[in-house]
Amino acid sequence: SPGCGTTTSFSGESRNSINVGGTNREYIIRLPDGYDSNNPYRLMVSIHCLNGTAAGVASGSPGTNYQYYGLWSRDDDNTIFVAPQGIDNSWPPGNEDFIGQLVQMLKEELCIDETRVFAEGFSMGGSMSYALACKFPDVFRAIAVHSGGAMSGCDQSNRGPVAYFMTHGINDSVCRYPSFGVPQLNDFAERNGCDPLTLPTPTDPSGNTPICVDFQNCDPGYPTRACVFVGDHTPSPPNEASTWVPDETWDFISQF
């Protein structure tokens, strides 16, 4: 990105703001230890749920290593994490422009591999990840949607592919499965050139054992994968301290 080889004012983890359309929008950013401006890094945009906060995403629950949905502890010091803050802790349609401008600013300020920009979120944060993939398929390489839907909209003007990963509980009482999650998954399976697939039904009542499936014959470089589990509305079945979701998500994201 243009920021490679330049000096940055960012260091460690910090809270900052960017003016978007005359409004100051906040975000938290965390650089890897020993950030090197000559090394292109992944960028992961970690998006909070409705009534959540950027601070909650950045900190996780105490003692769980769940910062940035558990991916910070799995990173190989080659990823920059950013957690944007929604308006009134929400992500109504149109907020993708804020995140798009934030990503562009970070590309100019930091050394980012522009082929490895990702988004991940839970519930409405997952819906915003879907909205970003819809609007900016040329920016986001892959997204991970946890118990999301289409609440934040979907710009259909660019039908470009984006590698797609979904987790969803079949007993979700908020974003009810399969009306939520599955249509968005199938939307990108189609964009990615995959064969249609009927998702299997998991049976482990604890939520510890999901059934994960890969869509077949997707276009090269655009895998589409889903893990469904027995459980309610959560990004971390069965709990943050022992969830399988970060490992599955990291395996999917780190292949790029």
C-alpha atoms as a PDB file:
ATOM      1  CA  SER A   1       0.000   0.000   0.000  1.00  0.00           C
ATOM      2  CA  PRO A   2       1.127   3.651  -0.245  1.00  0.00           C
ATOM      3  CA  GLY A   3       2.041   3.604   3.457  1.00  0.00           C
ATOM      4  CA  CYS A   4       4.859   1.108   2.986  1.00  0.00           C
ATOM      5  CA  GLY A   5       8.237   2.619   3.773  1.00  0.00           C
ATOM      6  CA  THR A   6       6.757   5.645   5.552  1.00  0.00           C
ATOM      7  CA  THR A   7       6.773   6.738   9.175  1.00  0.00           C
ATOM      8  CA  THR A   8       3.502   6.304  11.046  1.00  0.00           C
ATOM      9  CA  SER A   9       2.078   7.967  14.123  1.00  0.00           C
ATOM     10  CA  PHE A  10       0.409   4.698  15.172  1.00  0.00           C
ATOM     11  CA  SER A  11       2.021   2.404  17.722  1.00  0.00           C
ATOM     12  CA  GLY A  12       0.765  -0.505  19.796  1.00  0.00           C
ATOM     13  CA  GLU A  13      -2.959  -0.218  20.462  1.00  0.00           C
ATOM     14  CA  SER A  14      -4.676   3.159  20.381  1.00  0.00           C
ATOM     15  CA  ARG A  15      -8.073   4.813  20.020  1.00  0.00           C
ATOM     16  CA  ASN A  16      -8.356   7.331  17.213  1.00  0.00           C
ATOM     17  CA  SER A  17     -10.877   9.140  15.037  1.00  0.00           C
ATOM     18  CA  ILE A  18     -11.379   9.905  11.355  1.00  0.00           C
ATOM     19  CA  ASN A  19     -13.647  12.565   9.881  1.00  0.00           C
ATOM     20  CA  VAL A  20     -16.201  11.060   7.526  1.00  0.00           C
ATOM     21  CA  GLY A  21     -18.680  13.414   5.912  1.00  0.00           C
ATOM     22  CA  GLY A  22     -18.167  16.015   8.632  1.00  0.00           C
ATOM     23  CA  THR A  23     -18.569  13.527  11.499  1.00  0.00           C
ATOM     24  CA  ASN A  24     -15.719  12.246  13.639  1.00  0.00           C
ATOM     25  CA  ARG A  25     -15.884   8.444  13.712  1.00  0.00           C
ATOM     26  CA  GLU A  26     -13.858   6.467  16.233  1.00  0.00           C
ATOM     27  CA  TYR A  27     -11.881   3.248  15.897  1.00  0.00           C
ATOM     28  CA  ILE A  28      -9.329   1.225  17.825  1.00  0.00           C
ATOM     29  CA  ILE A  29      -6.230  -0.030  16.035  1.00  0.00           C
ATOM     30  CA  ARG A  30      -3.627  -2.539  17.186  1.00  0.00           C
ATOM     31  CA  LEU A  31      -0.310  -3.038  15.432  1.00  0.00           C
ATOM     32  CA  PRO A  32       1.786  -6.200  15.758  1.00  0.00           C
ATOM     33  CA  ASP A  33       4.768  -6.111  18.070  1.00  0.00           C
ATOM     34  CA  GLY A  34       7.785  -4.854  16.156  1.00  0.00           C
ATOM     35  CA  TYR A  35       5.728  -3.316  13.342  1.00  0.00           C
ATOM     36  CA  ASP A  36       7.994  -2.872  10.284  1.00  0.00           C
ATOM     37  CA  SER A  37       6.937  -0.267   7.720  1.00  0.00           C
ATOM     38  CA  ASN A  38       8.674  -2.249   4.993  1.00  0.00           C
ATOM     39  CA  ASN A  39       6.652  -5.426   5.625  1.00  0.00           C
ATOM     40  CA  PRO A  40       3.149  -5.602   4.089  1.00  0.00           C
ATOM     41  CA  TYR A  41       0.685  -6.797   6.755  1.00  0.00           C
ATOM     42  CA  ARG A  42      -2.781  -8.306   6.636  1.00  0.00           C
ATOM     43  CA  LEU A  43      -5.550  -5.961   7.749  1.00  0.00           C
ATOM     44  CA  MET A  44      -8.423  -7.409   9.770  1.00  0.00           C
ATOM     45  CA  VAL A  45     -11.490  -5.227  10.360  1.00  0.00           C
ATOM     46  CA  SER A  46     -13.248  -6.601  13.462  1.00  0.00           C
ATOM     47  CA  ILE A  47     -16.820  -5.312  13.750  1.00  0.00           C
ATOM     48  CA  HIS A  48     -18.934  -5.221  16.911  1.00  0.00           C
ATOM     49  CA  CYS A  49     -22.536  -6.392  17.213  1.00  0.00           C
ATOM     50  CA  LEU A  50     -25.639  -4.276  17.830  1.00  0.00           C
ATOM     51  CA  ASN A  51     -25.201  -2.622  21.258  1.00  0.00           C
ATOM     52  CA  GLY A  52     -21.591  -3.767  21.299  1.00  0.00           C
ATOM     53  CA  THR A  53     -18.535  -1.525  21.149  1.00  0.00           C
ATOM     54  CA  ALA A  54     -15.144  -1.336  19.500  1.00  0.00           C
ATOM     55  CA  ALA A  55     -13.615  -1.490  22.984  1.00  0.00           C
ATOM     56  CA  GLY A  56     -15.445  -4.741  23.683  1.00  0.00           C
ATOM     57  CA  VAL A  57     -14.089  -6.290  20.487  1.00  0.00           C
ATOM     58  CA  ALA A  58     -10.562  -5.096  21.237  1.00  0.00           C
ATOM     59  CA  SER A  59     -10.505  -6.303  24.849  1.00  0.00           C
ATOM     60  CA  GLY A  60     -12.578  -9.492  24.739  1.00  0.00           C
ATOM     61  CA  SER A  61     -13.662 -11.026  28.047  1.00  0.00           C
ATOM     62  CA  PRO A  62     -11.031 -11.145  30.803  1.00  0.00           C
ATOM     63  CA  GLY A  63      -8.972 -14.305  30.799  1.00  0.00           C
ATOM     64  CA  THR A  64     -10.339 -15.722  27.539  1.00  0.00           C
ATOM     65  CA  ASN A  65      -7.780 -14.557  24.918  1.00  0.00           C
ATOM     66  CA  TYR A  66     -10.806 -13.420  22.916  1.00  0.00           C
ATOM     67  CA  GLN A  67      -9.470 -10.069  21.732  1.00  0.00           C
ATOM     68  CA  TYR A  68     -10.670  -9.309  18.208  1.00  0.00           C
ATOM     69  CA  TYR A  69     -12.935 -12.380  18.236  1.00  0.00           C
ATOM     70  CA  GLY A  70     -10.036 -14.533  19.403  1.00  0.00           C
ATOM     71  CA  LEU A  71      -7.850 -13.899  16.364  1.00  0.00           C
ATOM     72  CA  TRP A  72      -5.257 -11.695  18.057  1.00  0.00           C
ATOM     73  CA  SER A  73      -3.942 -14.641  20.086  1.00  0.00           C
ATOM     74  CA  ARG A  74      -3.721 -16.767  16.930  1.00  0.00           C
ATOM     75  CA  ASP A  75      -1.957 -14.196  14.769  1.00  0.00           C
ATOM     76  CA  ASP A  76       1.650 -14.661  13.662  1.00  0.00           C
ATOM     77  CA  ASP A  77       2.567 -10.960  14.171  1.00  0.00           C
ATOM     78  CA  ASN A  78       1.639 -10.320  10.560  1.00  0.00           C
ATOM     79  CA  THR A  79      -1.794  -8.723  10.993  1.00  0.00           C
ATOM     80  CA  ILE A  80      -2.982  -5.214  11.826  1.00  0.00           C
ATOM     81  CA  PHE A  81      -6.317  -5.267  13.652  1.00  0.00           C
ATOM     82  CA  VAL A  82      -8.835  -2.425  13.618  1.00  0.00           C
ATOM     83  CA  ALA A  83     -12.183  -2.245  15.451  1.00  0.00           C
ATOM     84  CA  PRO A  84     -14.454   0.534  14.147  1.00  0.00           C
ATOM     85  CA  GLN A  85     -17.133   2.060  16.371  1.00  0.00           C
ATOM     86  CA  GLY A  86     -20.693   2.217  15.067  1.00  0.00           C
ATOM     87  CA  ILE A  87     -23.101   5.123  15.539  1.00  0.00           C
ATOM     88  CA  ASP A  88     -25.104   4.561  18.727  1.00  0.00           C
ATOM     89  CA  ASN A  89     -23.467   1.114  18.811  1.00  0.00           C
ATOM     90  CA  SER A  90     -25.264   0.143  15.610  1.00  0.00           C
ATOM     91  CA  TRP A  91     -24.530  -0.431  11.923  1.00  0.00           C
ATOM     92  CA  PRO A  92     -27.426   0.853   9.814  1.00  0.00           C
ATOM     93  CA  PRO A  93     -27.079   0.915   6.020  1.00  0.00           C
ATOM     94  CA  GLY A  94     -24.506   3.436   4.827  1.00  0.00           C
ATOM     95  CA  ASN A  95     -21.910   2.754   7.516  1.00  0.00           C
ATOM     96  CA  GLU A  96     -19.872   0.751   5.026  1.00  0.00           C
ATOM     97  CA  ASP A  97     -18.712   4.102   3.602  1.00  0.00           C
ATOM     98  CA  PHE A  98     -17.108   4.915   6.965  1.00  0.00           C
ATOM     99  CA  ILE A  99     -15.258   1.613   7.030  1.00  0.00           C
ATOM    100  CA  GLY A 100     -14.277   1.960   3.377  1.00  0.00           C
ATOM    101  CA  GLN A 101     -12.709   5.358   4.084  1.00  0.00           C
ATOM    102  CA  LEU A 102     -11.049   4.003   7.217  1.00  0.00           C
ATOM    103  CA  VAL A 103      -9.452   1.161   5.263  1.00  0.00           C
ATOM    104  CA  GLN A 104      -8.222   3.576   2.598  1.00  0.00           C
ATOM    105  CA  MET A 105      -6.694   5.887   5.216  1.00  0.00           C
ATOM    106  CA  LEU A 106      -4.923   2.960   6.893  1.00  0.00           C
ATOM    107  CA  LYS A 107      -3.497   1.877   3.539  1.00  0.00           C
ATOM    108  CA  GLU A 108      -1.982   5.331   3.161  1.00  0.00           C
ATOM    109  CA  GLU A 109      -0.665   5.461   6.725  1.00  0.00           C
ATOM    110  CA  LEU A 110       0.561   1.872   7.185  1.00  0.00           C
ATOM    111  CA  CYS A 111       2.191  -0.895   5.175  1.00  0.00           C
ATOM    112  CA  ILE A 112      -0.739  -3.137   4.247  1.00  0.00           C
ATOM    113  CA  ASP A 113      -0.903  -5.980   1.756  1.00  0.00           C
ATOM    114  CA  GLU A 114      -3.837  -4.767  -0.334  1.00  0.00           C
ATOM    115  CA  THR A 115      -4.588  -8.344  -1.420  1.00  0.00           C
ATOM    116  CA  ARG A 116      -5.163  -9.412   2.198  1.00  0.00           C
ATOM    117  CA  VAL A 117      -7.827  -7.133   3.668  1.00  0.00           C
ATOM    118  CA  PHE A 118     -10.499  -8.968   5.683  1.00  0.00           C
ATOM    119  CA  ALA A 119     -13.606  -8.302   7.782  1.00  0.00           C
ATOM    120  CA  GLU A 120     -15.193 -10.293  10.585  1.00  0.00           C
ATOM    121  CA  GLY A 121     -18.151  -9.660  12.841  1.00  0.00           C
ATOM    122  CA  PHE A 122     -20.926 -11.093  14.997  1.00  0.00           C
ATOM    123  CA  SER A 123     -24.675 -10.513  14.576  1.00  0.00           C
ATOM    124  CA  MET A 124     -25.071  -6.999  13.132  1.00  0.00           C
ATOM    125  CA  GLY A 125     -21.260  -6.917  12.911  1.00  0.00           C
ATOM    126  CA  GLY A 126     -21.525  -9.977  10.679  1.00  0.00           C
ATOM    127  CA  SER A 127     -24.207  -8.212   8.689  1.00  0.00           C
ATOM    128  CA  MET A 128     -21.869  -5.243   8.237  1.00  0.00           C
ATOM    129  CA  SER A 129     -19.131  -7.632   7.059  1.00  0.00           C
ATOM    130  CA  TYR A 130     -21.596  -8.928   4.470  1.00  0.00           C
ATOM    131  CA  ALA A 131     -22.452  -5.341   3.476  1.00  0.00           C
ATOM    132  CA  LEU A 132     -18.740  -4.555   3.022  1.00  0.00           C
ATOM    133  CA  ALA A 133     -18.260  -7.615   0.813  1.00  0.00           C
ATOM    134  CA  CYS A 134     -21.266  -6.525  -1.249  1.00  0.00           C
ATOM    135  CA  LYS A 135     -20.058  -2.957  -1.733  1.00  0.00           C
ATOM    136  CA  PHE A 136     -16.282  -3.452  -1.852  1.00  0.00           C
ATOM    137  CA  PRO A 137     -15.536  -6.877  -3.372  1.00  0.00           C
ATOM    138  CA  ASP A 138     -12.394  -5.398  -4.903  1.00  0.00           C
ATOM    139  CA  VAL A 139     -11.145  -4.369  -1.429  1.00  0.00           C
ATOM    140  CA  PHE A 140     -12.014  -7.308   0.843  1.00  0.00           C
ATOM    141  CA  ARG A 141     -10.355 -10.640   0.109  1.00  0.00           C
ATOM    142  CA  ALA A 142     -12.499 -12.648   2.507  1.00  0.00           C
ATOM    143  CA  ILE A 143     -15.007 -12.157   5.298  1.00  0.00           C
ATOM    144  CA  ALA A 144     -16.197 -14.165   8.291  1.00  0.00           C
ATOM    145  CA  VAL A 145     -19.850 -13.780   9.316  1.00  0.00           C
ATOM    146  CA  HIS A 146     -20.877 -15.109  12.731  1.00  0.00           C
ATOM    147  CA  SER A 147     -24.645 -15.386  13.276  1.00  0.00           C
ATOM    148  CA  GLY A 148     -25.334 -12.507  10.906  1.00  0.00           C
ATOM    149  CA  GLY A 149     -27.753 -11.643   8.149  1.00  0.00           C
ATOM    150  CA  ALA A 150     -28.551  -8.719   5.879  1.00  0.00           C
ATOM    151  CA  MET A 151     -29.567  -6.111   8.469  1.00  0.00           C
ATOM    152  CA  SER A 152     -26.934  -3.648   7.234  1.00  0.00           C
ATOM    153  CA  GLY A 153     -27.964  -3.920   3.589  1.00  0.00           C
ATOM    154  CA  CYS A 154     -26.233  -5.160   0.446  1.00  0.00           C
ATOM    155  CA  ASP A 155     -25.190  -3.048  -2.525  1.00  0.00           C
ATOM    156  CA  GLN A 156     -25.878  -5.266  -5.551  1.00  0.00           C
ATOM    157  CA  SER A 157     -24.195  -2.995  -8.127  1.00  0.00           C
ATOM    158  CA  ASN A 158     -20.929  -4.988  -8.026  1.00  0.00           C
ATOM    159  CA  ARG A 159     -21.367  -8.761  -8.014  1.00  0.00           C
ATOM    160  CA  GLY A 160     -17.686  -9.515  -7.596  1.00  0.00           C
ATOM    161  CA  PRO A 161     -16.523 -12.561  -5.626  1.00  0.00           C
ATOM    162  CA  VAL A 162     -15.280 -12.554  -2.015  1.00  0.00           C
ATOM    163  CA  ALA A 163     -14.158 -15.657  -0.129  1.00  0.00           C
ATOM    164  CA  TYR A 164     -16.818 -16.315   2.507  1.00  0.00           C
ATOM    165  CA  PHE A 165     -16.951 -18.096   5.878  1.00  0.00           C
ATOM    166  CA  MET A 166     -20.060 -18.408   8.054  1.00  0.00           C
ATOM    167  CA  THR A 167     -20.819 -19.777  11.505  1.00  0.00           C
ATOM    168  CA  HIS A 168     -24.416 -19.974  12.732  1.00  0.00           C
ATOM    169  CA  GLY A 169     -26.404 -21.760  15.426  1.00  0.00           C
ATOM    170  CA  ILE A 170     -29.460 -23.670  14.289  1.00  0.00           C
ATOM    171  CA  ASN A 171     -31.342 -22.548  17.438  1.00  0.00           C
ATOM    172  CA  ASP A 172     -30.517 -18.865  16.986  1.00  0.00           C
ATOM    173  CA  SER A 173     -33.370 -16.896  18.560  1.00  0.00           C
ATOM    174  CA  VAL A 174     -32.236 -13.487  17.258  1.00  0.00           C
ATOM    175  CA  CYS A 175     -30.993 -14.037  13.704  1.00  0.00           C
ATOM    176  CA  ARG A 176     -33.164 -17.088  13.168  1.00  0.00           C
ATOM    177  CA  TYR A 177     -31.621 -19.882  11.157  1.00  0.00           C
ATOM    178  CA  PRO A 178     -31.925 -20.541   8.238  1.00  0.00           C
ATOM    179  CA  SER A 179     -33.730 -17.310   7.291  1.00  0.00           C
ATOM    180  CA  PHE A 180     -30.653 -15.403   8.468  1.00  0.00           C
ATOM    181  CA  GLY A 181     -27.149 -16.356   7.435  1.00  0.00           C
ATOM    182  CA  VAL A 182     -27.924 -18.951   4.809  1.00  0.00           C
ATOM    183  CA  PRO A 183     -29.268 -16.559   2.116  1.00  0.00           C
ATOM    184  CA  GLN A 184     -26.149 -14.409   2.461  1.00  0.00           C
ATOM    185  CA  LEU A 185     -23.901 -17.470   2.351  1.00  0.00           C
ATOM    186  CA  ASN A 186     -25.659 -18.682  -0.793  1.00  0.00           C
ATOM    187  CA  ASP A 187     -25.415 -15.231  -2.338  1.00  0.00           C
ATOM    188  CA  PHE A 188     -21.626 -15.368  -2.179  1.00  0.00           C
ATOM    189  CA  ALA A 189     -21.473 -19.037  -3.075  1.00  0.00           C
ATOM    190  CA  GLU A 190     -23.161 -18.004  -6.326  1.00  0.00           C
ATOM    191  CA  ARG A 191     -20.841 -15.034  -6.800  1.00  0.00           C
ATOM    192  CA  ASN A 192     -17.877 -17.312  -6.133  1.00  0.00           C
ATOM    193  CA  GLY A 193     -18.988 -19.790  -8.794  1.00  0.00           C
ATOM    194  CA  CYS A 194     -19.656 -22.635  -6.344  1.00  0.00           C
ATOM    195  CA  ASP A 195     -22.086 -25.489  -6.813  1.00  0.00           C
ATOM    196  CA  PRO A 196     -25.276 -25.230  -4.707  1.00  0.00           C
ATOM    197  CA  LEU A 197     -25.117 -27.018  -1.362  1.00  0.00           C
ATOM    198  CA  THR A 198     -27.666 -28.015   1.268  1.00  0.00           C
ATOM    199  CA  LEU A 199     -26.191 -27.517   4.723  1.00  0.00           C
ATOM    200  CA  PRO A 200     -26.239 -30.557   7.018  1.00  0.00           C
ATOM    201  CA  THR A 201     -27.831 -30.506  10.475  1.00  0.00           C
ATOM    202  CA  PRO A 202     -25.516 -30.730  13.505  1.00  0.00           C
ATOM    203  CA  THR A 203     -26.514 -32.937  16.435  1.00  0.00           C
ATOM    204  CA  ASP A 204     -24.108 -32.259  19.327  1.00  0.00           C
ATOM    205  CA  PRO A 205     -26.275 -30.398  21.884  1.00  0.00           C
ATOM    206  CA  SER A 206     -23.240 -28.854  23.588  1.00  0.00           C
ATOM    207  CA  GLY A 207     -22.279 -26.795  20.533  1.00  0.00           C
ATOM    208  CA  ASN A 208     -18.741 -28.128  20.790  1.00  0.00           C
ATOM    209  CA  THR A 209     -18.932 -30.133  17.567  1.00  0.00           C
ATOM    210  CA  PRO A 210     -20.050 -28.148  14.541  1.00  0.00           C
ATOM    211  CA  ILE A 211     -20.568 -29.605  11.112  1.00  0.00           C
ATOM    212  CA  CYS A 212     -18.333 -27.716   8.694  1.00  0.00           C
ATOM    213  CA  VAL A 213     -18.703 -28.009   4.940  1.00  0.00           C
ATOM    214  CA  ASP A 214     -16.981 -26.504   1.918  1.00  0.00           C
ATOM    215  CA  PHE A 215     -18.886 -25.599  -1.205  1.00  0.00           C
ATOM    216  CA  GLN A 216     -17.516 -27.454  -4.218  1.00  0.00           C
ATOM    217  CA  ASN A 217     -16.139 -26.239  -7.553  1.00  0.00           C
ATOM    218  CA  CYS A 218     -15.820 -22.618  -6.445  1.00  0.00           C
ATOM    219  CA  ASP A 219     -13.742 -20.319  -8.600  1.00  0.00           C
ATOM    220  CA  PRO A 220     -10.032 -20.682  -7.783  1.00  0.00           C
ATOM    221  CA  GLY A 221      -9.102 -18.499  -4.832  1.00  0.00           C
ATOM    222  CA  TYR A 222     -12.685 -17.977  -3.627  1.00  0.00           C
ATOM    223  CA  PRO A 223     -13.543 -20.770  -1.177  1.00  0.00           C
ATOM    224  CA  THR A 224     -16.902 -20.686   0.570  1.00  0.00           C
ATOM    225  CA  ARG A 225     -17.307 -22.510   3.873  1.00  0.00           C
ATOM    226  CA  ALA A 226     -19.888 -22.828   6.643  1.00  0.00           C
ATOM    227  CA  CYS A 227     -19.862 -24.277  10.150  1.00  0.00           C
ATOM    228  CA  VAL A 228     -23.280 -24.837  11.720  1.00  0.00           C
ATOM    229  CA  PHE A 229     -23.759 -25.833  15.341  1.00  0.00           C
ATOM    230  CA  VAL A 230     -26.445 -26.592  17.894  1.00  0.00           C
ATOM    231  CA  GLY A 231     -26.816 -23.363  19.840  1.00  0.00           C
ATOM    232  CA  ASP A 232     -28.352 -19.930  20.209  1.00  0.00           C
ATOM    233  CA  HIS A 233     -27.146 -16.479  19.147  1.00  0.00           C
ATOM    234  CA  THR A 234     -23.427 -16.459  19.919  1.00  0.00           C
ATOM    235  CA  PRO A 235     -20.094 -15.851  18.164  1.00  0.00           C
ATOM    236  CA  SER A 236     -18.321 -18.313  20.450  1.00  0.00           C
ATOM    237  CA  PRO A 237     -20.056 -21.642  21.085  1.00  0.00           C
ATOM    238  CA  PRO A 238     -20.073 -23.038  23.699  1.00  0.00           C
ATOM    239  CA  ASN A 239     -18.259 -20.119  25.436  1.00  0.00           C
ATOM    240  CA  GLU A 240     -15.372 -17.714  24.849  1.00  0.00           C
ATOM    241  CA  ALA A 241     -12.937 -19.711  26.969  1.00  0.00           C
ATOM    242  CA  SER A 242     -13.278 -22.935  24.940  1.00  0.00           C
ATOM    243  CA  THR A 243     -14.778 -22.047  21.579  1.00  0.00           C
ATOM    244  CA  TRP A 244     -13.714 -23.625  18.289  1.00  0.00           C
ATOM    245  CA  VAL A 245     -14.690 -20.564  16.216  1.00  0.00           C
ATOM    246  CA  PRO A 246     -11.381 -18.623  16.312  1.00  0.00           C
ATOM    247  CA  ASP A 247      -9.392 -21.638  15.103  1.00  0.00           C
ATOM    248  CA  GLU A 248     -11.837 -22.285  12.260  1.00  0.00           C
ATOM    249  CA  THR A 249     -11.873 -18.591  11.325  1.00  0.00           C
ATOM    250  CA  TRP A 250      -8.105 -18.264  11.467  1.00  0.00           C
ATOM    251  CA  ASP A 251      -7.628 -21.366   9.332  1.00  0.00           C
ATOM    252  CA  PHE A 252      -9.917 -19.838   6.731  1.00  0.00           C
ATOM    253  CA  ILE A 253      -8.389 -16.335   6.786  1.00  0.00           C
ATOM    254  CA  SER A 254      -4.743 -17.352   7.008  1.00  0.00           C
ATOM    255  CA  GLN A 255      -4.896 -19.414   3.809  1.00  0.00           C
ATOM    256  CA  PHE A 256      -4.677 -16.146   1.877  1.00  0.00           C
END
